[in-house]
Amino acid sequence: MEIRNVKKEDEKEVIKILLDMQKLHIKGRKDIFKKENFIIAKEEFLNILNSNEKEMIVAIDKNDKVRGLSY
Protein backbone atom coordinates (compact mmCIF):
# COMPACT_ATOMS: atom_id res chain seq x y z
CA MET A 1 0.00 0.00 0.00
CA GLU A 2 1.02 3.53 -0.69
CA ILE A 3 -0.48 6.69 0.80
CA ARG A 4 -0.63 9.78 -1.37
CA ASN A 5 -2.68 12.91 -2.02
CA VAL A 6 -5.77 12.37 -4.11
CA LYS A 7 -5.57 13.07 -7.83
CA LYS A 8 -8.31 14.14 -10.20
CA GLU A 9 -8.27 10.71 -11.87
CA ASP A 10 -9.15 9.11 -8.51
CA GLU A 11 -12.57 10.75 -8.51
CA LYS A 12 -14.61 7.71 -9.63
CA GLU A 13 -13.05 5.39 -7.06
CA VAL A 14 -13.28 7.96 -4.26
CA ILE A 15 -16.96 8.62 -4.99
CA LYS A 16 -17.64 4.86 -5.01
CA ILE A 17 -16.02 4.44 -1.59
CA LEU A 18 -17.95 7.41 -0.19
CA LEU A 19 -21.24 6.04 -1.55
CA ASP A 20 -20.49 2.59 -0.07
CA MET A 21 -19.81 4.24 3.31
CA GLN A 22 -23.03 6.22 3.05
CA LYS A 23 -25.01 3.01 2.36
CA LEU A 24 -23.54 1.46 5.51
CA HIS A 25 -24.44 4.54 7.55
CA ILE A 26 -28.00 4.55 6.21
CA LYS A 27 -28.39 0.85 6.94
CA GLY A 28 -27.15 1.26 10.49
CA ARG A 29 -28.73 4.61 11.41
CA LYS A 30 -31.79 5.35 9.27
CA ASP A 31 -32.83 7.89 11.88
CA ILE A 32 -29.80 10.08 11.13
CA PHE A 33 -28.69 9.30 7.57
CA LYS A 34 -31.05 9.74 4.65
CA LYS A 35 -30.68 8.31 1.18
CA GLU A 36 -31.01 11.70 -0.48
CA ASN A 37 -28.07 13.19 1.47
CA PHE A 38 -25.24 13.01 -1.05
CA ILE A 39 -21.90 12.76 0.69
CA ILE A 40 -19.74 14.77 -1.75
CA ALA A 41 -20.47 16.60 -4.98
CA LYS A 42 -18.07 16.71 -7.90
CA GLU A 43 -17.58 20.44 -7.30
CA GLU A 44 -16.60 19.81 -3.66
CA PHE A 45 -14.19 17.08 -4.74
CA LEU A 46 -12.51 19.46 -7.18
CA ASN A 47 -12.40 22.20 -4.52
CA ILE A 48 -10.58 19.82 -2.15
CA LEU A 49 -8.04 19.06 -4.88
CA ASN A 50 -7.30 22.76 -5.28
CA SER A 51 -7.51 23.72 -1.61
CA ASN A 52 -4.66 24.63 0.70
CA GLU A 53 -7.00 24.26 3.68
CA LYS A 54 -8.45 20.80 3.04
CA GLU A 55 -6.65 17.62 2.21
CA MET A 56 -7.78 14.25 0.93
CA ILE A 57 -5.42 11.31 0.96
CA VAL A 58 -5.88 7.85 -0.52
CA ALA A 59 -4.39 4.45 0.10
CA ILE A 60 -3.62 2.73 -3.18
CA ASP A 61 -2.59 -0.83 -3.96
CA LYS A 62 0.20 -1.97 -6.28
CA ASN A 63 -2.17 -1.58 -9.25
CA ASP A 64 -2.86 2.07 -8.33
CA LYS A 65 -6.42 1.21 -7.27
CA VAL A 66 -7.85 3.30 -4.43
CA ARG A 67 -8.50 1.10 -1.38
CA GLY A 68 -9.16 3.73 1.28
CA LEU A 69 -9.33 7.44 1.88
CA SER A 70 -9.30 10.13 4.50
CA TYR A 71 -10.32 13.77 4.37
PDB file of N, CA and C in Angstrom:
ATOM      1  N   MET A   1       0.841  -1.190   0.000  1.00  0.00           N
ATOM      2  CA  MET A   1       0.000   0.000   0.000  1.00  0.00           C
ATOM      3  C   MET A   1       0.880   1.244   0.000  1.00  0.00           C
ATOM      4  N   GLU A   2       0.379   2.222  -0.665  1.00  0.00           N
ATOM      5  CA  GLU A   2       1.024   3.533  -0.695  1.00  0.00           C
ATOM      6  C   GLU A   2      -0.017   4.570  -0.311  1.00  0.00           C
ATOM      7  N   ILE A   3       0.395   5.584   0.416  1.00  0.00           N
ATOM      8  CA  ILE A   3      -0.478   6.693   0.799  1.00  0.00           C
ATOM      9  C   ILE A   3      -0.014   7.916   0.014  1.00  0.00           C
ATOM     10  N   ARG A   4      -0.971   8.581  -0.612  1.00  0.00           N
ATOM     11  CA  ARG A   4      -0.634   9.784  -1.374  1.00  0.00           C
ATOM     12  C   ARG A   4      -1.837  10.720  -1.406  1.00  0.00           C
ATOM     13  N   ASN A   5      -1.588  11.950  -1.830  1.00  0.00           N
ATOM     14  CA  ASN A   5      -2.680  12.908  -2.016  1.00  0.00           C
ATOM     15  C   ASN A   5      -3.551  12.442  -3.166  1.00  0.00           C
ATOM     16  N   VAL A   6      -4.820  12.751  -3.069  1.00  0.00           N
ATOM     17  CA  VAL A   6      -5.772  12.368  -4.107  1.00  0.00           C
ATOM     18  C   VAL A   6      -5.462  13.117  -5.400  1.00  0.00           C
ATOM     19  N   LYS A   7      -5.742  12.462  -6.508  1.00  0.00           N
ATOM     20  CA  LYS A   7      -5.573  13.067  -7.831  1.00  0.00           C
ATOM     21  C   LYS A   7      -6.933  13.126  -8.510  1.00  0.00           C
ATOM     22  N   LYS A   8      -7.047  13.984  -9.486  1.00  0.00           N
ATOM     23  CA  LYS A   8      -8.313  14.142 -10.199  1.00  0.00           C
ATOM     24  C   LYS A   8      -8.794  12.807 -10.774  1.00  0.00           C
ATOM     25  N   GLU A   9      -7.888  11.998 -11.272  1.00  0.00           N
ATOM     26  CA  GLU A   9      -8.268  10.713 -11.874  1.00  0.00           C
ATOM     27  C   GLU A   9      -8.753   9.684 -10.844  1.00  0.00           C
ATOM     28  N   ASP A  10      -8.636   9.985  -9.572  1.00  0.00           N
ATOM     29  CA  ASP A  10      -9.145   9.105  -8.510  1.00  0.00           C
ATOM     30  C   ASP A  10     -10.633   9.324  -8.240  1.00  0.00           C
ATOM     31  N   GLU A  11     -11.212  10.329  -8.853  1.00  0.00           N
ATOM     32  CA  GLU A  11     -12.573  10.750  -8.507  1.00  0.00           C
ATOM     33  C   GLU A  11     -13.567   9.590  -8.504  1.00  0.00           C
ATOM     34  N   LYS A  12     -13.625   8.793  -9.555  1.00  0.00           N
ATOM     35  CA  LYS A  12     -14.609   7.709  -9.629  1.00  0.00           C
ATOM     36  C   LYS A  12     -14.484   6.740  -8.461  1.00  0.00           C
ATOM     37  N   GLU A  13     -13.262   6.345  -8.151  1.00  0.00           N
ATOM     38  CA  GLU A  13     -13.048   5.389  -7.064  1.00  0.00           C
ATOM     39  C   GLU A  13     -13.352   6.011  -5.701  1.00  0.00           C
ATOM     40  N   VAL A  14     -12.995   7.268  -5.526  1.00  0.00           N
ATOM     41  CA  VAL A  14     -13.276   7.959  -4.263  1.00  0.00           C
ATOM     42  C   VAL A  14     -14.790   8.082  -4.057  1.00  0.00           C
ATOM     43  N   ILE A  15     -15.504   8.489  -5.092  1.00  0.00           N
ATOM     44  CA  ILE A  15     -16.958   8.621  -4.993  1.00  0.00           C
ATOM     45  C   ILE A  15     -17.590   7.273  -4.675  1.00  0.00           C
ATOM     46  N   LYS A  16     -17.100   6.194  -5.289  1.00  0.00           N
ATOM     47  CA  LYS A  16     -17.643   4.863  -5.009  1.00  0.00           C
ATOM     48  C   LYS A  16     -17.448   4.480  -3.547  1.00  0.00           C
ATOM     49  N   ILE A  17     -16.274   4.741  -3.007  1.00  0.00           N
ATOM     50  CA  ILE A  17     -16.017   4.436  -1.595  1.00  0.00           C
ATOM     51  C   ILE A  17     -16.940   5.265  -0.701  1.00  0.00           C
ATOM     52  N   LEU A  18     -17.089   6.546  -0.994  1.00  0.00           N
ATOM     53  CA  LEU A  18     -17.952   7.405  -0.190  1.00  0.00           C
ATOM     54  C   LEU A  18     -19.405   6.945  -0.246  1.00  0.00           C
ATOM     55  N   LEU A  19     -19.862   6.532  -1.419  1.00  0.00           N
ATOM     56  CA  LEU A  19     -21.237   6.035  -1.547  1.00  0.00           C
ATOM     57  C   LEU A  19     -21.427   4.727  -0.778  1.00  0.00           C
ATOM     58  N   ASP A  20     -20.428   3.846  -0.838  1.00  0.00           N
ATOM     59  CA  ASP A  20     -20.493   2.594  -0.068  1.00  0.00           C
ATOM     60  C   ASP A  20     -20.571   2.886   1.429  1.00  0.00           C
ATOM     61  N   MET A  21     -19.777   3.857   1.890  1.00  0.00           N
ATOM     62  CA  MET A  21     -19.807   4.240   3.305  1.00  0.00           C
ATOM     63  C   MET A  21     -21.166   4.805   3.670  1.00  0.00           C
ATOM     64  N   GLN A  22     -21.733   5.622   2.775  1.00  0.00           N
ATOM     65  CA  GLN A  22     -23.035   6.217   3.045  1.00  0.00           C
ATOM     66  C   GLN A  22     -24.106   5.127   3.168  1.00  0.00           C
ATOM     67  N   LYS A  23     -24.050   4.117   2.294  1.00  0.00           N
ATOM     68  CA  LYS A  23     -25.013   3.012   2.364  1.00  0.00           C
ATOM     69  C   LYS A  23     -24.928   2.298   3.711  1.00  0.00           C
ATOM     70  N   LEU A  24     -23.711   2.091   4.209  1.00  0.00           N
ATOM     71  CA  LEU A  24     -23.539   1.456   5.512  1.00  0.00           C
ATOM     72  C   LEU A  24     -24.114   2.321   6.626  1.00  0.00           C
ATOM     73  N   HIS A  25     -23.893   3.628   6.547  1.00  0.00           N
ATOM     74  CA  HIS A  25     -24.436   4.536   7.550  1.00  0.00           C
ATOM     75  C   HIS A  25     -25.964   4.524   7.528  1.00  0.00           C
ATOM     76  N   ILE A  26     -26.532   4.566   6.331  1.00  0.00           N
ATOM     77  CA  ILE A  26     -27.997   4.554   6.207  1.00  0.00           C
ATOM     78  C   ILE A  26     -28.564   3.265   6.777  1.00  0.00           C
ATOM     79  N   LYS A  27     -27.930   2.154   6.451  1.00  0.00           N
ATOM     80  CA  LYS A  27     -28.392   0.853   6.943  1.00  0.00           C
ATOM     81  C   LYS A  27     -28.358   0.792   8.472  1.00  0.00           C
ATOM     82  N   GLY A  28     -27.320   1.333   9.049  1.00  0.00           N
ATOM     83  CA  GLY A  28     -27.146   1.262  10.494  1.00  0.00           C
ATOM     84  C   GLY A  28     -27.903   2.322  11.279  1.00  0.00           C
ATOM     85  N   ARG A  29     -28.102   3.493  10.690  1.00  0.00           N
ATOM     86  CA  ARG A  29     -28.734   4.608  11.407  1.00  0.00           C
ATOM     87  C   ARG A  29     -29.688   5.361  10.497  1.00  0.00           C
ATOM     88  N   LYS A  30     -30.780   4.730  10.133  1.00  0.00           N
ATOM     89  CA  LYS A  30     -31.785   5.353   9.266  1.00  0.00           C
ATOM     90  C   LYS A  30     -32.379   6.610   9.887  1.00  0.00           C
ATOM     91  N   ASP A  31     -32.291   6.714  11.203  1.00  0.00           N
ATOM     92  CA  ASP A  31     -32.831   7.886  11.884  1.00  0.00           C
ATOM     93  C   ASP A  31     -31.971   9.132  11.669  1.00  0.00           C
ATOM     94  N   ILE A  32     -30.715   8.952  11.324  1.00  0.00           N
ATOM     95  CA  ILE A  32     -29.803  10.079  11.133  1.00  0.00           C
ATOM     96  C   ILE A  32     -29.481  10.296   9.659  1.00  0.00           C
ATOM     97  N   PHE A  33     -29.145   9.209   8.959  1.00  0.00           N
ATOM     98  CA  PHE A  33     -28.692   9.302   7.573  1.00  0.00           C
ATOM     99  C   PHE A  33     -29.832   9.007   6.612  1.00  0.00           C
ATOM    100  N   LYS A  34     -29.989   9.873   5.642  1.00  0.00           N
ATOM    101  CA  LYS A  34     -31.047   9.740   4.654  1.00  0.00           C
ATOM    102  C   LYS A  34     -30.439   9.454   3.285  1.00  0.00           C
ATOM    103  N   LYS A  35     -31.150   8.695   2.502  1.00  0.00           N
ATOM    104  CA  LYS A  35     -30.676   8.309   1.180  1.00  0.00           C
ATOM    105  C   LYS A  35     -30.367   9.517   0.294  1.00  0.00           C
ATOM    106  N   GLU A  36     -31.183  10.548   0.404  1.00  0.00           N
ATOM    107  CA  GLU A  36     -31.007  11.696  -0.479  1.00  0.00           C
ATOM    108  C   GLU A  36     -29.845  12.610  -0.086  1.00  0.00           C
ATOM    109  N   ASN A  37     -29.219  12.391   1.053  1.00  0.00           N
ATOM    110  CA  ASN A  37     -28.070  13.194   1.475  1.00  0.00           C
ATOM    111  C   ASN A  37     -26.823  12.703   0.751  1.00  0.00           C
ATOM    112  N   PHE A  38     -26.426  13.417  -0.301  1.00  0.00           N
ATOM    113  CA  PHE A  38     -25.239  13.006  -1.048  1.00  0.00           C
ATOM    114  C   PHE A  38     -24.003  13.432  -0.288  1.00  0.00           C
ATOM    115  N   ILE A  39     -23.052  12.547  -0.191  1.00  0.00           N
ATOM    116  CA  ILE A  39     -21.898  12.758   0.687  1.00  0.00           C
ATOM    117  C   ILE A  39     -20.884  13.764   0.134  1.00  0.00           C
ATOM    118  N   ILE A  40     -20.675  13.806  -1.172  1.00  0.00           N
ATOM    119  CA  ILE A  40     -19.737  14.771  -1.754  1.00  0.00           C
ATOM    120  C   ILE A  40     -20.117  15.002  -3.216  1.00  0.00           C
ATOM    121  N   ALA A  41     -20.170  16.241  -3.598  1.00  0.00           N
ATOM    122  CA  ALA A  41     -20.468  16.598  -4.983  1.00  0.00           C
ATOM    123  C   ALA A  41     -19.163  16.721  -5.754  1.00  0.00           C
ATOM    124  N   LYS A  42     -19.259  16.595  -7.062  1.00  0.00           N
ATOM    125  CA  LYS A  42     -18.070  16.706  -7.905  1.00  0.00           C
ATOM    126  C   LYS A  42     -17.367  18.038  -7.662  1.00  0.00           C
ATOM    127  N   GLU A  43     -18.151  19.110  -7.534  1.00  0.00           N
ATOM    128  CA  GLU A  43     -17.579  20.442  -7.300  1.00  0.00           C
ATOM    129  C   GLU A  43     -16.781  20.476  -5.994  1.00  0.00           C
ATOM    130  N   GLU A  44     -17.318  19.850  -4.945  1.00  0.00           N
ATOM    131  CA  GLU A  44     -16.600  19.807  -3.663  1.00  0.00           C
ATOM    132  C   GLU A  44     -15.310  19.004  -3.792  1.00  0.00           C
ATOM    133  N   PHE A  45     -15.377  17.888  -4.506  1.00  0.00           N
ATOM    134  CA  PHE A  45     -14.186  17.075  -4.739  1.00  0.00           C
ATOM    135  C   PHE A  45     -13.099  17.908  -5.423  1.00  0.00           C
ATOM    136  N   LEU A  46     -13.474  18.626  -6.459  1.00  0.00           N
ATOM    137  CA  LEU A  46     -12.512  19.458  -7.180  1.00  0.00           C
ATOM    138  C   LEU A  46     -11.993  20.594  -6.305  1.00  0.00           C
ATOM    139  N   ASN A  47     -12.842  21.149  -5.451  1.00  0.00           N
ATOM    140  CA  ASN A  47     -12.399  22.196  -4.523  1.00  0.00           C
ATOM    141  C   ASN A  47     -11.360  21.661  -3.547  1.00  0.00           C
ATOM    142  N   ILE A  48     -11.555  20.432  -3.071  1.00  0.00           N
ATOM    143  CA  ILE A  48     -10.582  19.822  -2.153  1.00  0.00           C
ATOM    144  C   ILE A  48      -9.242  19.653  -2.854  1.00  0.00           C
ATOM    145  N   LEU A  49      -9.284  19.235  -4.115  1.00  0.00           N
ATOM    146  CA  LEU A  49      -8.043  19.065  -4.885  1.00  0.00           C
ATOM    147  C   LEU A  49      -7.249  20.362  -4.971  1.00  0.00           C
ATOM    148  N   ASN A  50      -7.953  21.463  -5.084  1.00  0.00           N
ATOM    149  CA  ASN A  50      -7.302  22.762  -5.281  1.00  0.00           C
ATOM    150  C   ASN A  50      -7.155  23.574  -4.002  1.00  0.00           C
ATOM    151  N   SER A  51      -7.503  22.992  -2.871  1.00  0.00           N
ATOM    152  CA  SER A  51      -7.508  23.717  -1.611  1.00  0.00           C
ATOM    153  C   SER A  51      -6.181  23.587  -0.872  1.00  0.00           C
ATOM    154  N   ASN A  52      -5.807  24.667  -0.214  1.00  0.00           N
ATOM    155  CA  ASN A  52      -4.663  24.627   0.695  1.00  0.00           C
ATOM    156  C   ASN A  52      -5.126  24.367   2.126  1.00  0.00           C
ATOM    157  N   GLU A  53      -6.437  24.420   2.343  1.00  0.00           N
ATOM    158  CA  GLU A  53      -6.996  24.262   3.682  1.00  0.00           C
ATOM    159  C   GLU A  53      -7.510  22.856   3.949  1.00  0.00           C
ATOM    160  N   LYS A  54      -7.934  22.156   2.897  1.00  0.00           N
ATOM    161  CA  LYS A  54      -8.450  20.796   3.044  1.00  0.00           C
ATOM    162  C   LYS A  54      -7.514  19.840   2.327  1.00  0.00           C
ATOM    163  N   GLU A  55      -7.498  18.622   2.832  1.00  0.00           N
ATOM    164  CA  GLU A  55      -6.645  17.616   2.206  1.00  0.00           C
ATOM    165  C   GLU A  55      -7.402  16.298   2.159  1.00  0.00           C
ATOM    166  N   MET A  56      -7.223  15.585   1.067  1.00  0.00           N
ATOM    167  CA  MET A  56      -7.782  14.249   0.933  1.00  0.00           C
ATOM    168  C   MET A  56      -6.631  13.330   0.527  1.00  0.00           C
ATOM    169  N   ILE A  57      -6.461  12.269   1.286  1.00  0.00           N
ATOM    170  CA  ILE A  57      -5.418  11.310   0.958  1.00  0.00           C
ATOM    171  C   ILE A  57      -6.067   9.957   0.667  1.00  0.00           C
ATOM    172  N   VAL A  58      -5.381   9.167  -0.157  1.00  0.00           N
ATOM    173  CA  VAL A  58      -5.885   7.849  -0.519  1.00  0.00           C
ATOM    174  C   VAL A  58      -4.808   6.809  -0.266  1.00  0.00           C
ATOM    175  N   ALA A  59      -5.280   5.616   0.030  1.00  0.00           N
ATOM    176  CA  ALA A  59      -4.394   4.448   0.096  1.00  0.00           C
ATOM    177  C   ALA A  59      -4.602   3.712  -1.212  1.00  0.00           C
ATOM    178  N   ILE A  60      -3.516   3.424  -1.909  1.00  0.00           N
ATOM    179  CA  ILE A  60      -3.621   2.729  -3.182  1.00  0.00           C
ATOM    180  C   ILE A  60      -2.824   1.435  -3.140  1.00  0.00           C
ATOM    181  N   ASP A  61      -3.298   0.451  -3.898  1.00  0.00           N
ATOM    182  CA  ASP A  61      -2.591  -0.827  -3.955  1.00  0.00           C
ATOM    183  C   ASP A  61      -1.536  -0.794  -5.060  1.00  0.00           C
ATOM    184  N   LYS A  62      -0.885  -1.915  -5.300  1.00  0.00           N
ATOM    185  CA  LYS A  62       0.204  -1.968  -6.280  1.00  0.00           C
ATOM    186  C   LYS A  62      -0.278  -1.727  -7.708  1.00  0.00           C
ATOM    187  N   ASN A  63      -1.593  -1.841  -7.933  1.00  0.00           N
ATOM    188  CA  ASN A  63      -2.168  -1.583  -9.254  1.00  0.00           C
ATOM    189  C   ASN A  63      -2.735  -0.168  -9.369  1.00  0.00           C
ATOM    190  N   ASP A  64      -2.410   0.677  -8.390  1.00  0.00           N
ATOM    191  CA  ASP A  64      -2.856   2.068  -8.329  1.00  0.00           C
ATOM    192  C   ASP A  64      -4.366   2.187  -8.171  1.00  0.00           C
ATOM    193  N   LYS A  65      -4.991   1.195  -7.553  1.00  0.00           N
ATOM    194  CA  LYS A  65      -6.425   1.213  -7.266  1.00  0.00           C
ATOM    195  C   LYS A  65      -6.636   1.759  -5.854  1.00  0.00           C
ATOM    196  N   VAL A  66      -7.558   2.694  -5.733  1.00  0.00           N
ATOM    197  CA  VAL A  66      -7.849   3.298  -4.430  1.00  0.00           C
ATOM    198  C   VAL A  66      -8.521   2.260  -3.536  1.00  0.00           C
ATOM    199  N   ARG A  67      -7.970   2.063  -2.344  1.00  0.00           N
ATOM    200  CA  ARG A  67      -8.499   1.102  -1.377  1.00  0.00           C
ATOM    201  C   ARG A  67      -9.016   1.753  -0.110  1.00  0.00           C
ATOM    202  N   GLY A  68      -8.689   3.025   0.091  1.00  0.00           N
ATOM    203  CA  GLY A  68      -9.156   3.730   1.277  1.00  0.00           C
ATOM    204  C   GLY A  68      -8.884   5.212   1.115  1.00  0.00           C
ATOM    205  N   LEU A  69      -9.544   6.007   1.952  1.00  0.00           N
ATOM    206  CA  LEU A  69      -9.331   7.437   1.878  1.00  0.00           C
ATOM    207  C   LEU A  69      -9.606   8.097   3.214  1.00  0.00           C
ATOM    208  N   SER A  70      -9.075   9.301   3.321  1.00  0.00           N
ATOM    209  CA  SER A  70      -9.296  10.127   4.498  1.00  0.00           C
ATOM    210  C   SER A  70      -9.333  11.571   4.046  1.00  0.00           C
ATOM    211  N   TYR A  71     -10.276  12.327   4.639  1.00  0.00           N
ATOM    212  CA  TYR A  71     -10.320  13.773   4.374  1.00  0.00           C
ATOM    213  C   TYR A  71     -11.044  14.485   5.462  1.00  0.00           C
TER     214      TYR A  71
END
